[in-house]
Amino acid sequence: MGNVKKNTHKEIFVGELMKRIINNSCVETIPGCHSCAYQQFCGADPIRAYSCQEDTTFMGHMPTSEFCKKHKGIISFLMELIEEDDDGVIDVFWSWITNRQLGEFRIK
């Protein structure tokens, strides 16, 4: 992005590199992500695409990335837990979301 000792704030945060990173952070425009069912629960990671796939476009190929595989697995697992809700999983999730103790409420 730049060098904090040599470049101005504007050069770093409004430069072409930053614009590319921001543009490739939008999952709706990334090939393989734009039509993915998990899109709303996920997100792009342009810095990881660069560091893991050495992709200078900062886009990477998400469907084959470890980031994508891991997040799809996690999201699928959470969705299965929610669908089954055998052990009051929804209550646990709501306690996390609302930052309250599980004993304070029950959804069912």
N, C-alpha and C. Protein backbone atom coordinates (compact mmCIF):
# COMPACT_ATOMS: atom_id res chain seq x y z
N MET A 1 0.83 -1.19 0.00
CA MET A 1 0.00 0.00 0.00
C MET A 1 0.87 1.25 0.00
N GLY A 2 1.98 1.16 0.68
CA GLY A 2 2.88 2.29 0.76
C GLY A 2 3.76 2.19 1.97
N ASN A 3 4.50 3.24 2.17
CA ASN A 3 5.42 3.32 3.30
C ASN A 3 5.00 4.50 4.16
N VAL A 4 4.70 4.26 5.43
CA VAL A 4 4.20 5.32 6.30
C VAL A 4 5.24 6.41 6.53
N LYS A 5 6.50 6.10 6.29
CA LYS A 5 7.55 7.12 6.47
C LYS A 5 7.79 7.93 5.21
N LYS A 6 7.41 7.38 4.07
CA LYS A 6 7.69 8.07 2.80
C LYS A 6 6.44 8.61 2.10
N ASN A 7 5.33 7.88 2.24
CA ASN A 7 4.12 8.26 1.53
C ASN A 7 3.17 9.06 2.42
N THR A 8 2.39 9.90 1.77
CA THR A 8 1.38 10.65 2.52
C THR A 8 0.19 9.74 2.80
N HIS A 9 -0.65 10.19 3.72
CA HIS A 9 -1.88 9.46 4.04
C HIS A 9 -2.70 9.27 2.78
N LYS A 10 -2.82 10.29 1.98
CA LYS A 10 -3.61 10.24 0.76
C LYS A 10 -3.01 9.23 -0.24
N GLU A 11 -1.70 9.23 -0.38
CA GLU A 11 -1.06 8.29 -1.31
C GLU A 11 -1.33 6.84 -0.91
N ILE A 12 -1.34 6.58 0.38
CA ILE A 12 -1.56 5.21 0.87
C ILE A 12 -3.03 4.81 0.77
N PHE A 13 -3.92 5.65 1.26
CA PHE A 13 -5.32 5.26 1.39
C PHE A 13 -6.20 5.61 0.20
N VAL A 14 -5.68 6.35 -0.77
CA VAL A 14 -6.46 6.68 -1.95
C VAL A 14 -5.72 6.25 -3.22
N GLY A 15 -4.67 5.48 -3.04
CA GLY A 15 -3.88 5.02 -4.18
C GLY A 15 -4.55 3.89 -4.94
N GLU A 16 -3.96 3.57 -6.08
CA GLU A 16 -4.50 2.52 -6.95
C GLU A 16 -4.52 1.15 -6.27
N LEU A 17 -3.50 0.85 -5.50
CA LEU A 17 -3.46 -0.44 -4.81
C LEU A 17 -4.63 -0.57 -3.84
N MET A 18 -4.88 0.46 -3.07
CA MET A 18 -6.00 0.41 -2.13
C MET A 18 -7.33 0.29 -2.86
N LYS A 19 -7.46 0.96 -3.98
CA LYS A 19 -8.69 0.87 -4.77
C LYS A 19 -8.91 -0.56 -5.27
N ARG A 20 -7.82 -1.22 -5.72
CA ARG A 20 -7.93 -2.62 -6.17
C ARG A 20 -8.34 -3.53 -5.02
N ILE A 21 -7.74 -3.32 -3.85
CA ILE A 21 -8.07 -4.15 -2.69
C ILE A 21 -9.55 -3.97 -2.32
N ILE A 22 -10.00 -2.73 -2.30
CA ILE A 22 -11.41 -2.45 -1.95
C ILE A 22 -12.35 -3.05 -2.99
N ASN A 23 -12.06 -2.87 -4.26
CA ASN A 23 -12.91 -3.41 -5.32
C ASN A 23 -13.01 -4.93 -5.24
N ASN A 24 -11.94 -5.57 -4.84
CA ASN A 24 -11.93 -7.03 -4.77
C ASN A 24 -12.34 -7.54 -3.40
N SER A 25 -12.90 -6.67 -2.58
CA SER A 25 -13.46 -7.06 -1.29
C SER A 25 -14.96 -7.28 -1.37
N CYS A 26 -15.53 -7.00 -2.50
CA CYS A 26 -16.97 -7.08 -2.70
C CYS A 26 -17.32 -8.46 -3.28
N VAL A 27 -17.86 -9.35 -2.44
CA VAL A 27 -18.12 -10.73 -2.88
C VAL A 27 -19.09 -10.82 -4.06
N GLU A 28 -19.92 -9.82 -4.22
CA GLU A 28 -20.89 -9.85 -5.33
C GLU A 28 -20.21 -9.78 -6.70
N THR A 29 -18.96 -9.38 -6.75
CA THR A 29 -18.27 -9.23 -8.02
C THR A 29 -17.16 -10.26 -8.24
N ILE A 30 -16.92 -11.12 -7.27
CA ILE A 30 -15.82 -12.08 -7.37
C ILE A 30 -16.30 -13.35 -8.05
N PRO A 31 -15.59 -13.79 -9.11
CA PRO A 31 -15.98 -15.04 -9.76
C PRO A 31 -16.00 -16.19 -8.75
N GLY A 32 -17.05 -16.97 -8.80
CA GLY A 32 -17.20 -18.07 -7.87
C GLY A 32 -17.94 -17.67 -6.60
N CYS A 33 -17.91 -16.39 -6.26
CA CYS A 33 -18.61 -15.89 -5.07
C CYS A 33 -19.93 -15.22 -5.46
N HIS A 34 -19.95 -14.61 -6.63
CA HIS A 34 -21.10 -13.80 -7.02
C HIS A 34 -22.41 -14.59 -7.04
N SER A 35 -22.34 -15.90 -7.24
CA SER A 35 -23.56 -16.71 -7.28
C SER A 35 -23.59 -17.78 -6.18
N CYS A 36 -22.73 -17.63 -5.20
CA CYS A 36 -22.63 -18.63 -4.13
C CYS A 36 -23.75 -18.45 -3.10
N ALA A 37 -24.34 -19.56 -2.68
CA ALA A 37 -25.41 -19.52 -1.69
C ALA A 37 -24.93 -19.04 -0.33
N TYR A 38 -23.64 -19.16 -0.07
CA TYR A 38 -23.08 -18.76 1.22
C TYR A 38 -22.65 -17.30 1.26
N GLN A 39 -22.77 -16.60 0.15
CA GLN A 39 -22.27 -15.24 0.01
C GLN A 39 -22.68 -14.31 1.16
N GLN A 40 -23.93 -14.38 1.58
CA GLN A 40 -24.41 -13.46 2.60
C GLN A 40 -23.80 -13.72 3.97
N PHE A 41 -23.23 -14.90 4.16
CA PHE A 41 -22.63 -15.24 5.44
C PHE A 41 -21.12 -15.15 5.41
N CYS A 42 -20.58 -14.91 4.27
CA CYS A 42 -19.13 -14.98 4.08
C CYS A 42 -18.57 -13.60 3.76
N GLY A 43 -17.41 -13.57 3.23
CA GLY A 43 -16.80 -12.32 2.82
C GLY A 43 -15.52 -12.59 2.08
N ALA A 44 -15.09 -11.62 1.34
CA ALA A 44 -13.84 -11.74 0.60
C ALA A 44 -12.68 -11.43 1.53
N ASP A 45 -11.54 -11.93 1.19
CA ASP A 45 -10.34 -11.66 1.96
C ASP A 45 -9.20 -11.40 0.99
N PRO A 46 -9.14 -10.18 0.42
CA PRO A 46 -8.15 -9.90 -0.61
C PRO A 46 -6.70 -10.03 -0.13
N ILE A 47 -6.44 -9.75 1.12
CA ILE A 47 -5.07 -9.85 1.62
C ILE A 47 -4.67 -11.32 1.70
N ARG A 48 -5.59 -12.18 2.12
CA ARG A 48 -5.32 -13.62 2.14
C ARG A 48 -5.12 -14.14 0.72
N ALA A 49 -5.92 -13.66 -0.23
CA ALA A 49 -5.76 -14.07 -1.62
C ALA A 49 -4.36 -13.74 -2.11
N TYR A 50 -3.87 -12.59 -1.73
CA TYR A 50 -2.52 -12.20 -2.11
C TYR A 50 -1.47 -13.05 -1.41
N SER A 51 -1.61 -13.21 -0.10
CA SER A 51 -0.58 -13.91 0.66
C SER A 51 -0.57 -15.42 0.43
N CYS A 52 -1.73 -16.04 0.25
CA CYS A 52 -1.78 -17.49 0.09
C CYS A 52 -1.71 -17.95 -1.37
N GLN A 53 -2.30 -17.18 -2.25
CA GLN A 53 -2.33 -17.57 -3.65
C GLN A 53 -1.41 -16.71 -4.51
N GLU A 54 -0.72 -15.78 -3.87
CA GLU A 54 0.20 -14.87 -4.56
C GLU A 54 -0.49 -14.19 -5.74
N ASP A 55 -1.73 -13.83 -5.54
CA ASP A 55 -2.54 -13.21 -6.59
C ASP A 55 -2.44 -11.70 -6.48
N THR A 56 -1.76 -11.09 -7.42
CA THR A 56 -1.57 -9.63 -7.38
C THR A 56 -2.83 -8.86 -7.75
N THR A 57 -3.89 -9.57 -8.16
CA THR A 57 -5.16 -8.88 -8.40
C THR A 57 -5.93 -8.73 -7.09
N PHE A 58 -5.45 -9.42 -6.04
CA PHE A 58 -6.09 -9.42 -4.72
C PHE A 58 -7.48 -10.05 -4.76
N MET A 59 -7.73 -10.88 -5.77
CA MET A 59 -9.02 -11.53 -5.87
C MET A 59 -8.90 -13.01 -5.54
N GLY A 60 -7.89 -13.64 -6.06
CA GLY A 60 -7.72 -15.06 -5.84
C GLY A 60 -8.79 -15.87 -6.53
N HIS A 61 -8.74 -17.15 -6.34
CA HIS A 61 -9.78 -18.03 -6.86
C HIS A 61 -10.45 -18.65 -5.65
N MET A 62 -11.50 -17.99 -5.19
CA MET A 62 -12.13 -18.35 -3.93
C MET A 62 -12.61 -19.81 -3.86
N PRO A 63 -13.27 -20.36 -4.89
CA PRO A 63 -13.77 -21.73 -4.76
C PRO A 63 -12.69 -22.77 -4.45
N THR A 64 -11.45 -22.51 -4.81
CA THR A 64 -10.38 -23.47 -4.54
C THR A 64 -9.51 -23.05 -3.35
N SER A 65 -9.86 -21.96 -2.72
CA SER A 65 -9.03 -21.48 -1.60
C SER A 65 -9.40 -22.18 -0.30
N GLU A 66 -8.44 -22.29 0.59
CA GLU A 66 -8.69 -22.88 1.91
C GLU A 66 -9.69 -22.02 2.69
N PHE A 67 -9.61 -20.71 2.51
CA PHE A 67 -10.54 -19.77 3.16
C PHE A 67 -11.98 -20.15 2.82
N CYS A 68 -12.25 -20.36 1.55
CA CYS A 68 -13.60 -20.69 1.08
C CYS A 68 -14.04 -22.05 1.60
N LYS A 69 -13.18 -23.03 1.48
CA LYS A 69 -13.53 -24.38 1.93
C LYS A 69 -13.83 -24.39 3.43
N LYS A 70 -13.00 -23.70 4.20
CA LYS A 70 -13.19 -23.66 5.65
C LYS A 70 -14.50 -22.96 6.01
N HIS A 71 -14.76 -21.81 5.40
CA HIS A 71 -15.97 -21.06 5.74
C HIS A 71 -17.24 -21.78 5.30
N LYS A 72 -17.21 -22.42 4.14
CA LYS A 72 -18.38 -23.18 3.70
C LYS A 72 -18.65 -24.33 4.68
N GLY A 73 -17.60 -24.97 5.14
CA GLY A 73 -17.76 -26.06 6.11
C GLY A 73 -18.35 -25.57 7.42
N ILE A 74 -17.84 -24.46 7.92
CA ILE A 74 -18.34 -23.89 9.18
C ILE A 74 -19.80 -23.47 9.04
N ILE A 75 -20.09 -22.76 7.96
CA ILE A 75 -21.46 -22.28 7.75
C ILE A 75 -22.43 -23.45 7.58
N SER A 76 -22.04 -24.47 6.83
CA SER A 76 -22.90 -25.65 6.66
C SER A 76 -23.16 -26.32 8.00
N PHE A 77 -22.12 -26.46 8.81
CA PHE A 77 -22.27 -27.07 10.12
C PHE A 77 -23.23 -26.28 11.00
N LEU A 78 -23.08 -24.95 11.02
CA LEU A 78 -23.96 -24.11 11.82
C LEU A 78 -25.40 -24.19 11.34
N MET A 79 -25.58 -24.23 10.03
CA MET A 79 -26.94 -24.35 9.48
C MET A 79 -27.58 -25.68 9.87
N GLU A 80 -26.80 -26.74 9.86
CA GLU A 80 -27.31 -28.05 10.28
C GLU A 80 -27.72 -28.01 11.75
N LEU A 81 -26.90 -27.39 12.59
CA LEU A 81 -27.24 -27.27 14.01
C LEU A 81 -28.55 -26.50 14.20
N ILE A 82 -28.70 -25.42 13.45
CA ILE A 82 -29.90 -24.60 13.56
C ILE A 82 -31.13 -25.39 13.09
N GLU A 83 -30.97 -26.10 11.98
CA GLU A 83 -32.09 -26.88 11.43
C GLU A 83 -32.53 -27.99 12.40
N GLU A 84 -31.57 -28.68 12.99
CA GLU A 84 -31.90 -29.77 13.90
C GLU A 84 -32.37 -29.25 15.25
N ASP A 85 -31.68 -28.30 15.81
CA ASP A 85 -31.96 -27.69 17.12
C ASP A 85 -32.38 -28.73 18.17
N ASP A 86 -31.66 -29.83 18.20
CA ASP A 86 -31.98 -30.91 19.14
C ASP A 86 -31.73 -30.54 20.60
N ASP A 87 -30.66 -29.83 20.85
CA ASP A 87 -30.25 -29.57 22.23
C ASP A 87 -30.35 -28.10 22.61
N GLY A 88 -31.29 -27.39 22.03
CA GLY A 88 -31.44 -25.99 22.36
C GLY A 88 -30.34 -25.11 21.80
N VAL A 89 -29.83 -25.49 20.63
CA VAL A 89 -28.74 -24.74 20.00
C VAL A 89 -29.15 -23.29 19.75
N ILE A 90 -30.39 -23.09 19.35
CA ILE A 90 -30.87 -21.73 19.08
C ILE A 90 -30.74 -20.87 20.34
N ASP A 91 -31.05 -21.43 21.49
CA ASP A 91 -30.89 -20.68 22.74
C ASP A 91 -29.44 -20.27 22.97
N VAL A 92 -28.53 -21.17 22.68
CA VAL A 92 -27.11 -20.86 22.84
C VAL A 92 -26.71 -19.73 21.89
N PHE A 93 -27.12 -19.84 20.63
CA PHE A 93 -26.80 -18.79 19.66
C PHE A 93 -27.36 -17.44 20.10
N TRP A 94 -28.62 -17.42 20.57
CA TRP A 94 -29.22 -16.17 21.00
C TRP A 94 -28.51 -15.61 22.23
N SER A 95 -28.01 -16.48 23.08
CA SER A 95 -27.26 -15.98 24.24
C SER A 95 -25.97 -15.31 23.78
N TRP A 96 -25.34 -15.86 22.74
CA TRP A 96 -24.13 -15.24 22.19
C TRP A 96 -24.46 -13.91 21.53
N ILE A 97 -25.52 -13.90 20.72
CA ILE A 97 -25.89 -12.71 19.97
C ILE A 97 -26.27 -11.56 20.90
N THR A 98 -27.02 -11.87 21.95
CA THR A 98 -27.51 -10.83 22.85
C THR A 98 -26.59 -10.58 24.04
N ASN A 99 -25.51 -11.37 24.12
CA ASN A 99 -24.53 -11.24 25.20
C ASN A 99 -25.20 -11.39 26.57
N ARG A 100 -26.09 -12.38 26.67
CA ARG A 100 -26.76 -12.69 27.94
C ARG A 100 -26.47 -14.13 28.32
N GLN A 101 -26.63 -14.40 29.59
CA GLN A 101 -26.46 -15.76 30.08
C GLN A 101 -27.56 -16.65 29.53
N LEU A 102 -27.23 -17.89 29.25
CA LEU A 102 -28.19 -18.83 28.70
C LEU A 102 -29.42 -18.98 29.60
N GLY A 103 -29.22 -18.94 30.91
CA GLY A 103 -30.33 -19.11 31.84
C GLY A 103 -31.29 -17.94 31.89
N GLU A 104 -30.94 -16.81 31.29
CA GLU A 104 -31.79 -15.62 31.34
C GLU A 104 -33.04 -15.73 30.48
N PHE A 105 -33.00 -16.61 29.51
CA PHE A 105 -34.15 -16.73 28.61
C PHE A 105 -34.13 -18.08 27.91
N ARG A 106 -35.23 -18.42 27.36
CA ARG A 106 -35.36 -19.59 26.50
C ARG A 106 -36.25 -19.19 25.34
N ILE A 107 -35.83 -19.50 24.12
CA ILE A 107 -36.61 -19.18 22.92
C ILE A 107 -37.85 -20.05 22.86
N LYS A 108 -37.70 -21.33 23.15
CA LYS A 108 -38.84 -22.25 23.07
C LYS A 108 -39.60 -22.29 24.36
